[in-house]
């Protein structure tokens, strides 16, 4: 189970729709609120704004959870944040707790409080905790099949009452709060969540300087050798065995993975002979392709030109075998001057989705410290394929697997 982007399905976007402000009071026998209830004043703008405030707050909560216990990456002009597995269930539960706790205790979520709305019984009384619980749980049904379609259809069918399934089952309605209260507390809560989410997002997107000694933290972030990147929090550091026959050893190597054989992501750095820039990187593609074939890999398609952490890069997809087991790899080669950063995302068929997602997280969050990063230099020497092949500064692409686990 994956929850990403914005909290869809449980968002209160449709349970806040207003009744026609020109509607006349209905006789008490029909069930709508009585004429004297503040619920007769239902400006659409307030309802929509209250729903948007709640969505923003809950999205901020998702960002906080994504940074701390999930996935948060910035790269390629886009931001990706989500939580997986048990944390997705925790987030879904928090959505229900948010609506139930605030509406049962005060009759208002943060959005309703800021916009002067509250949940009441159809007779204007304060709903019971059981009624609020039923209303909250039925948000799940109201959100089906998508975009709150069931709730929207139900509210259209109930006319001016604008009651979704949860309201009908619980005997509740959303009305104007008279007088508005606790708006300062609601605004403070919203600001706290948004500021925390923004601060953590900036920190994750720009991790800053890295320590001299490598650190692989339990929080899913590697920092060392003047680079940093994030990876799934359920993964851990792995040991890797490399095939560098015919080439130089890497400057450093680190690996993370889910703990299953042949499934891991290896990150390495190599010293190259001449600066590689966006202008001369194309000349390396056939050289790397030959190295991959000599290492026993089978090419899948052609190289794709990309960038990683602002560096010129390209990637290959290859397949191979190790100990009779078949695996696939996405190989990324990125260059900062004379330093090459090599990312090998290797996976077996059963872990393909998980490792591919983690590969995007590593590449998207990859950062190079100021001591290493360089700008493309148009005047740098052009890389010559003949000069690179077999020279000690550049090994054939290594194929890795877990060792000693």
Protein backbone atom coordinates (compact mmCIF):
# COMPACT_ATOMS: atom_id res chain seq x y z
CA UNK A 1 0.00 0.00 0.00
CA UNK A 2 1.40 3.41 -0.98
CA UNK A 3 0.12 6.83 -0.07
CA UNK A 4 1.66 9.72 -1.96
CA UNK A 5 1.06 13.26 -3.11
CA UNK A 6 -2.06 14.54 -1.39
CA UNK A 7 -4.41 12.66 0.98
CA UNK A 8 -6.99 11.57 -1.60
CA UNK A 9 -10.11 9.62 -0.73
CA UNK A 10 -10.32 10.85 2.89
CA UNK A 11 -10.19 14.55 2.06
CA UNK A 12 -13.26 16.45 3.20
CA UNK A 13 -13.64 18.19 -0.12
CA UNK A 14 -17.25 17.29 -0.72
CA UNK A 15 -18.79 17.03 2.72
CA UNK A 16 -18.53 20.80 2.97
CA UNK A 17 -20.75 21.75 0.01
CA UNK A 18 -23.25 24.47 0.83
CA UNK A 19 -26.95 24.41 0.43
CA UNK A 20 -28.62 26.97 -1.74
CA UNK A 21 -28.55 30.15 0.38
CA UNK A 22 -31.92 31.15 -1.06
CA UNK A 23 -33.57 27.91 0.02
CA UNK A 24 -36.61 28.21 2.31
CA UNK A 25 -36.89 26.31 5.62
CA UNK A 26 -38.48 22.87 5.38
CA UNK A 27 -41.10 21.55 7.79
CA UNK A 28 -39.52 19.73 10.75
CA UNK A 29 -41.08 16.46 9.63
CA UNK A 30 -38.89 16.27 6.54
CA UNK A 31 -35.62 16.16 8.45
CA UNK A 32 -33.62 19.26 7.33
CA UNK A 33 -32.38 21.74 9.97
CA UNK A 34 -34.98 24.04 11.38
CA UNK A 35 -35.31 27.61 10.18
CA UNK A 36 -33.59 29.11 13.21
CA UNK A 37 -30.39 27.10 12.87
CA UNK A 38 -27.25 28.88 11.81
CA UNK A 39 -26.94 26.16 9.18
CA UNK A 40 -29.21 28.21 6.90
CA UNK A 41 -26.16 30.43 6.24
CA UNK A 42 -23.86 28.22 4.14
CA UNK A 43 -21.58 30.29 1.88
CA UNK A 44 -19.92 28.04 -0.68
CA UNK A 45 -16.62 29.90 -0.44
CA UNK A 46 -16.32 29.13 3.30
CA UNK A 47 -17.05 25.45 2.79
CA UNK A 48 -14.53 25.06 -0.02
CA UNK A 49 -11.89 27.09 1.84
CA UNK A 50 -12.33 24.99 4.99
CA UNK A 51 -11.87 21.80 3.00
CA UNK A 52 -8.73 23.17 1.34
CA UNK A 53 -7.24 24.16 4.70
CA UNK A 54 -7.72 20.61 6.00
CA UNK A 55 -6.18 19.16 2.84
CA UNK A 56 -3.16 21.46 3.14
CA UNK A 57 -2.67 20.55 6.79
CA UNK A 58 -2.95 16.81 6.16
CA UNK A 59 -0.63 17.07 3.17
CA UNK A 60 1.87 18.82 5.44
CA UNK A 61 1.59 15.88 7.82
CA UNK A 62 2.28 13.50 4.91
CA UNK A 63 5.38 15.51 3.99
CA UNK A 64 6.67 15.29 7.58
CA UNK A 65 6.13 11.54 7.64
CA UNK A 66 7.69 11.12 4.19
CA UNK A 67 10.85 12.94 5.24
CA UNK A 68 11.19 11.09 8.54
CA UNK A 69 9.93 7.56 7.85
CA UNK A 70 9.16 7.42 4.14
CA UNK A 71 10.43 8.67 0.79
CA UNK A 72 11.10 12.29 -0.09
CA UNK A 73 13.07 13.13 -3.22
CA UNK A 74 13.67 16.27 -5.24
CA UNK A 75 15.06 15.94 -8.73
CA UNK A 76 14.32 16.37 -12.39
CA UNK A 77 12.10 19.37 -11.67
CA UNK A 78 9.66 17.42 -9.50
CA UNK A 79 9.10 16.47 -5.88
CA UNK A 80 8.05 12.97 -4.82
CA UNK A 81 6.95 12.15 -1.29
CA UNK A 82 5.10 9.14 0.05
CA UNK A 83 4.98 6.52 2.78
CA UNK A 84 4.79 2.79 2.20
CA UNK A 85 3.60 -0.34 3.96
CA UNK A 86 2.74 0.00 7.62
CA UNK A 87 3.41 3.75 7.59
CA UNK A 88 0.78 4.17 4.89
CA UNK A 89 -1.69 2.46 7.22
CA UNK A 90 -0.56 4.71 10.07
CA UNK A 91 -1.14 7.80 7.94
CA UNK A 92 -4.60 6.62 6.89
CA UNK A 93 -5.44 6.03 10.55
CA UNK A 94 -4.20 9.50 11.46
CA UNK A 95 -6.56 11.02 8.90
CA UNK A 96 -9.53 9.34 10.57
CA UNK A 97 -8.26 10.27 14.05
CA UNK A 98 -7.88 13.89 12.96
CA UNK A 99 -11.48 14.22 11.83
CA UNK A 100 -12.98 12.20 14.68
CA UNK A 101 -11.04 13.79 17.53
CA UNK A 102 -11.56 17.40 16.53
CA UNK A 103 -15.19 17.05 15.45
CA UNK A 104 -16.10 15.03 18.56
CA UNK A 105 -14.34 17.42 20.94
CA UNK A 106 -15.09 20.78 19.34
CA UNK A 107 -17.35 20.09 16.37
CA UNK A 108 -14.69 21.56 14.11
CA UNK A 109 -11.56 20.58 12.25
CA UNK A 110 -8.85 23.20 11.84
CA UNK A 111 -10.31 24.22 8.49
CA UNK A 112 -13.86 24.50 9.85
CA UNK A 113 -12.62 26.50 12.84
CA UNK A 114 -10.76 29.02 10.70
CA UNK A 115 -13.75 29.45 8.38
CA UNK A 116 -16.41 29.54 11.11
CA UNK A 117 -18.14 26.20 10.47
CA UNK A 118 -19.08 23.30 12.71
CA UNK A 119 -20.74 19.88 12.67
CA UNK A 120 -24.16 19.66 14.37
CA UNK A 121 -27.07 17.29 14.54
CA UNK A 122 -29.93 17.90 12.15
CA UNK A 123 -31.83 19.46 15.07
CA UNK A 124 -28.94 21.81 15.90
CA UNK A 125 -27.74 19.85 18.92
CA UNK A 126 -24.20 18.65 19.53
CA UNK A 127 -23.70 15.22 17.92
CA UNK A 128 -22.68 12.28 20.07
CA UNK A 129 -19.25 10.69 19.81
CA UNK A 130 -20.87 7.65 18.19
CA UNK A 131 -22.45 9.86 15.51
CA UNK A 132 -19.12 11.53 14.77
CA UNK A 133 -17.40 8.13 14.64
CA UNK A 134 -19.91 6.85 12.10
CA UNK A 135 -19.60 10.03 10.07
CA UNK A 136 -15.82 9.71 10.08
CA UNK A 137 -15.64 6.05 9.12
CA UNK A 138 -18.07 6.57 6.25
CA UNK A 139 -15.66 9.06 4.71
CA UNK A 140 -14.01 5.97 3.27
CA UNK A 141 -17.24 4.99 1.49
CA UNK A 142 -17.98 8.56 0.45
CA UNK A 143 -14.59 8.67 -1.26
CA UNK A 144 -15.35 5.75 -3.57
CA UNK A 145 -14.67 4.99 -6.34
CA UNK A 146 -12.45 8.07 -6.59
CA UNK A 147 -12.52 11.82 -6.06
CA UNK A 148 -15.35 11.55 -3.49
CA UNK A 149 -17.81 10.61 -6.23
CA UNK A 150 -20.17 8.67 -3.94
CA UNK A 151 -20.35 11.55 -1.49
CA UNK A 152 -20.94 14.05 -4.28
CA UNK A 153 -23.81 12.05 -5.77
CA UNK A 154 -25.41 11.62 -2.36
CA UNK A 155 -25.19 15.33 -1.57
CA UNK A 156 -26.70 16.26 -4.89
CA UNK A 157 -29.56 13.83 -4.19
CA UNK A 158 -30.26 15.37 -0.76
CA UNK A 159 -30.90 18.81 -2.20
CA UNK A 160 -30.36 21.81 0.05
CA UNK A 161 -29.35 19.66 3.00
CA UNK A 162 -26.09 18.73 1.23
CA UNK A 163 -25.60 15.60 3.33
CA UNK A 164 -23.21 12.88 2.28
CA UNK A 165 -23.63 9.25 3.34
CA UNK A 166 -21.80 9.89 6.60
CA UNK A 167 -24.15 12.75 7.46
CA UNK A 168 -27.24 10.75 6.57
CA UNK A 169 -26.14 7.78 8.67
CA UNK A 170 -25.06 9.91 11.64
CA UNK A 171 -27.85 12.48 11.47
CA UNK A 172 -25.42 15.40 11.14
CA UNK A 173 -24.96 18.52 9.02
CA UNK A 174 -22.32 21.22 8.58
CA UNK A 175 -23.45 24.72 9.61
CA UNK A 176 -22.06 28.15 10.49
CA UNK A 177 -20.49 28.38 13.97
CA UNK A 178 -21.88 31.24 16.02
CA UNK A 179 -19.77 32.74 17.45
CA UNK A 180 -16.45 31.57 15.95
CA UNK A 181 -13.98 30.36 18.60
CA UNK A 182 -10.40 29.20 18.95
CA UNK A 183 -9.34 30.53 15.59
CA UNK A 184 -5.95 31.52 17.01
CA UNK A 185 -5.24 27.96 18.17
CA UNK A 186 -6.32 26.55 14.82
CA UNK A 187 -4.09 28.97 12.93
CA UNK A 188 -1.16 28.12 15.22
CA UNK A 189 -1.64 24.39 14.66
CA UNK A 190 -1.77 24.87 10.88
CA UNK A 191 1.32 27.09 10.92
CA UNK A 192 3.27 24.60 13.06
CA UNK A 193 2.57 21.70 10.71
CA UNK A 194 3.37 23.69 7.58
CA UNK A 195 6.57 25.22 8.98
CA UNK A 196 7.78 21.83 10.15
CA UNK A 197 7.01 20.28 6.77
CA UNK A 198 8.73 23.13 4.93
CA UNK A 199 11.82 23.01 7.16
CA UNK A 200 12.25 19.25 6.82
CA UNK A 201 11.69 19.46 3.06
CA UNK A 202 14.38 22.12 2.64
CA UNK A 203 16.78 20.09 4.78
CA UNK A 204 16.20 16.91 2.78
CA UNK A 205 16.43 18.71 -0.57
CA UNK A 206 19.62 20.56 0.45
CA UNK A 207 21.44 18.42 2.98
CA UNK A 208 24.47 20.72 2.96
CA UNK A 209 27.98 19.67 3.91
CA UNK A 210 28.77 16.04 4.56
CA UNK A 211 31.06 14.58 7.22
CA UNK A 212 34.53 13.32 6.47
CA UNK A 213 33.62 9.81 7.57
CA UNK A 214 30.70 8.06 5.88
CA UNK A 215 27.53 7.70 7.92
CA UNK A 216 24.62 5.49 6.95
CA UNK A 217 21.86 6.56 9.30
CA UNK A 218 18.82 4.63 10.46
CA UNK A 219 16.73 7.42 8.96
CA UNK A 220 17.50 6.37 5.39
CA UNK A 221 20.20 8.92 4.55
CA UNK A 222 23.82 8.28 3.57
CA UNK A 223 26.39 11.02 4.10
CA UNK A 224 30.07 10.59 3.40
CA UNK A 225 32.88 11.26 0.92
CA UNK A 226 31.30 14.64 0.19
CA UNK A 227 28.09 13.08 -1.15
CA UNK A 228 24.68 12.36 0.32
CA UNK A 229 21.54 10.55 -0.79
CA UNK A 230 18.41 9.12 0.75
CA UNK A 231 17.07 5.59 0.51
CA UNK A 232 14.10 3.64 1.97
CA UNK A 233 14.12 3.63 5.75
CA UNK A 234 13.38 -0.10 5.77
CA UNK A 235 16.68 -0.73 3.96
CA UNK A 236 20.10 -1.00 5.58
CA UNK A 237 23.77 -0.91 4.65
CA UNK A 238 24.98 -3.89 2.63
CA UNK A 239 28.38 -5.28 1.69
CA UNK A 240 29.09 -5.64 -2.02
CA UNK A 241 31.52 -7.68 -4.05
CA UNK A 242 32.68 -6.07 -7.25
CA UNK A 243 34.19 -7.21 -10.49
CA UNK A 244 36.94 -4.77 -11.41
CA UNK A 245 39.03 -7.10 -13.53
CA UNK A 246 40.89 -5.09 -16.11
CA UNK A 247 40.21 -1.74 -14.41
CA UNK A 248 41.08 0.44 -11.45
CA UNK A 249 39.61 0.13 -7.99
CA UNK A 250 36.95 2.65 -6.96
CA UNK A 251 37.80 5.60 -4.73
CA UNK A 252 35.06 4.42 -2.39
CA UNK A 253 32.06 2.11 -2.39
CA UNK A 254 28.84 1.98 -0.40
CA UNK A 255 25.73 -0.16 -0.81
CA UNK A 256 22.22 -0.31 0.62
CA UNK A 257 19.49 -2.88 0.13
CA UNK A 258 16.44 -4.67 1.53
CA UNK A 259 18.51 -7.61 2.75
CA UNK A 260 17.69 -10.11 0.00
CA UNK A 261 20.39 -11.65 -2.22
CA UNK A 262 21.14 -9.83 -5.48
CA UNK A 263 18.82 -6.92 -4.59
CA UNK A 264 20.76 -3.77 -3.71
CA UNK A 265 21.96 -0.37 -4.85
CA UNK A 266 25.71 0.21 -5.06
CA UNK A 267 27.18 3.71 -5.24
CA UNK A 268 30.84 4.22 -6.15
CA UNK A 269 33.24 6.97 -7.21
CA UNK A 270 36.12 6.65 -9.69
CA UNK A 271 38.89 8.97 -10.76
CA UNK A 272 38.71 9.64 -14.49
CA UNK A 273 41.65 10.59 -16.71
CA UNK A 274 40.20 13.74 -18.28
CA UNK A 275 37.30 16.03 -17.36
CA UNK A 276 33.95 14.83 -18.66
CA UNK A 277 31.39 17.49 -19.52
CA UNK A 278 28.00 17.73 -21.17
CA UNK A 279 29.87 18.51 -24.39
CA UNK A 280 31.98 15.36 -24.54
CA UNK A 281 29.97 12.78 -22.56
CA UNK A 282 28.46 11.29 -25.74
CA UNK A 283 31.88 9.91 -26.69
CA UNK A 284 31.89 7.68 -23.61
CA UNK A 285 28.65 5.84 -24.31
CA UNK A 286 30.08 3.26 -26.76
CA UNK A 287 33.10 2.74 -24.49
CA UNK A 288 30.89 1.97 -21.49
CA UNK A 289 28.70 -0.31 -23.65
CA UNK A 290 31.76 -2.37 -24.63
CA UNK A 291 32.84 -2.55 -20.99
CA UNK A 292 29.41 -3.83 -19.98
CA UNK A 293 29.50 -6.54 -22.61
CA UNK A 294 32.98 -7.63 -21.53
CA UNK A 295 31.70 -7.83 -17.95
CA UNK A 296 29.07 -10.34 -19.09
CA UNK A 297 26.05 -8.03 -19.12
CA UNK A 298 23.37 -8.09 -21.82
CA UNK A 299 22.27 -4.66 -22.99
CA UNK A 300 18.58 -3.78 -22.92
CA UNK A 301 18.01 -0.96 -25.39
CA UNK A 302 20.33 2.02 -25.77
CA UNK A 303 21.78 4.56 -23.36
CA UNK A 304 19.54 7.34 -22.09
CA UNK A 305 21.08 10.76 -21.48
CA UNK A 306 20.03 12.20 -18.11
CA UNK A 307 21.32 14.42 -15.31
CA UNK A 308 21.97 13.51 -11.67
CA UNK A 309 22.49 16.24 -9.07
CA UNK A 310 22.99 18.64 -11.97
CA UNK A 311 25.81 16.51 -13.42
CA UNK A 312 25.79 15.20 -16.99
CA UNK A 313 24.97 11.51 -16.92
CA UNK A 314 23.61 8.56 -18.86
CA UNK A 315 22.07 5.27 -17.88
CA UNK A 316 21.86 1.72 -19.23
CA UNK A 317 19.57 -1.18 -18.46
CA UNK A 318 21.28 -4.56 -18.48
CA UNK A 319 20.58 -8.15 -17.48
CA UNK A 320 22.91 -10.80 -16.17
CA UNK A 321 23.22 -13.92 -14.02
CA UNK A 322 25.01 -14.65 -10.76
CA UNK A 323 25.15 -18.13 -9.26
CA UNK A 324 22.49 -19.26 -11.69
CA UNK A 325 20.10 -16.47 -10.65
CA UNK A 326 18.95 -13.88 -13.18
CA UNK A 327 18.98 -10.19 -12.27
CA UNK A 328 18.50 -6.83 -13.97
CA UNK A 329 20.31 -3.57 -13.34
CA UNK A 330 19.82 0.10 -14.03
CA UNK A 331 23.31 1.61 -14.27
CA UNK A 332 23.82 5.36 -13.93
CA UNK A 333 27.13 7.04 -14.86
CA UNK A 334 27.40 10.69 -13.74
CA UNK A 335 30.45 12.94 -14.08
CA UNK A 336 31.74 15.93 -12.15
CA UNK A 337 34.97 16.98 -13.83
CA UNK A 338 37.36 14.06 -13.47
CA UNK A 339 35.21 12.26 -10.89
CA UNK A 340 32.73 9.62 -11.98
CA UNK A 341 29.81 8.58 -9.77
CA UNK A 342 28.47 5.15 -10.58
CA UNK A 343 25.07 3.92 -9.31
CA UNK A 344 24.13 0.28 -9.86
CA UNK A 345 20.51 -0.52 -9.04
CA UNK A 346 20.38 -4.31 -9.20
CA UNK A 347 17.28 -6.42 -8.61
CA UNK A 348 15.66 -9.79 -9.11
CA UNK A 349 12.15 -10.04 -10.61
CA UNK A 350 10.48 -10.35 -7.18
CA UNK A 351 12.03 -7.07 -5.97
CA UNK A 352 11.91 -5.12 -9.23
CA UNK A 353 9.30 -2.57 -8.19
CA UNK A 354 10.84 -1.90 -4.79
CA UNK A 355 14.40 -1.48 -6.06
CA UNK A 356 13.37 0.61 -9.08
CA UNK A 357 11.49 2.99 -6.77
CA UNK A 358 14.48 3.13 -4.42
CA UNK A 359 16.77 3.75 -7.40
CA UNK A 360 14.75 6.82 -8.31
CA UNK A 361 14.98 7.96 -4.69
CA UNK A 362 18.78 7.58 -4.58
CA UNK A 363 19.36 9.30 -7.93
CA UNK A 364 16.80 12.04 -7.25
CA UNK A 365 18.22 12.91 -3.82
CA UNK A 366 21.90 12.53 -4.76
CA UNK A 367 23.96 15.58 -3.78
CA UNK A 368 27.65 16.37 -4.13
CA UNK A 369 29.48 18.60 -1.62
CA UNK A 370 31.21 21.82 -2.67
CA UNK A 371 34.64 20.22 -2.38
CA UNK A 372 33.79 17.81 -5.20
CA UNK A 373 31.15 19.45 -7.40
CA UNK A 374 32.36 21.36 -10.44
CA UNK A 375 30.70 23.20 -13.25
CA UNK A 376 30.84 21.99 -16.82
CA UNK A 377 33.89 23.47 -18.49
CA UNK A 378 33.40 23.95 -22.24
CA UNK A 379 37.19 24.26 -22.62
CA UNK A 380 37.90 20.90 -20.98
CA UNK A 381 39.70 18.30 -23.04
CA UNK A 382 37.39 16.22 -25.17
CA UNK A 383 37.10 12.60 -24.03
CA UNK A 384 38.45 10.34 -26.72
CA UNK A 385 37.07 6.79 -26.82
CA UNK A 386 40.43 5.33 -27.77
CA UNK A 387 42.16 7.12 -24.92
CA UNK A 388 39.72 5.81 -22.32
CA UNK A 389 39.46 2.12 -23.07
CA UNK A 390 41.63 0.02 -20.80
CA UNK A 391 43.31 2.95 -19.03
CA UNK A 392 43.78 2.53 -15.27
CA UNK A 393 41.59 5.48 -14.39
CA UNK A 394 38.40 3.84 -15.68
CA UNK A 395 37.35 0.23 -15.03
CA UNK A 396 34.72 -1.62 -16.98
CA UNK A 397 31.33 -1.25 -15.31
CA UNK A 398 31.41 -3.58 -12.27
CA UNK A 399 28.59 -6.03 -11.63
CA UNK A 400 27.83 -6.39 -7.93
CA UNK A 401 26.12 -8.78 -5.63
CA UNK A 402 25.66 -9.07 -1.89
CA UNK A 403 28.61 -10.68 -0.16
CA UNK A 404 28.78 -12.18 3.29
CA UNK A 405 25.10 -11.93 4.15
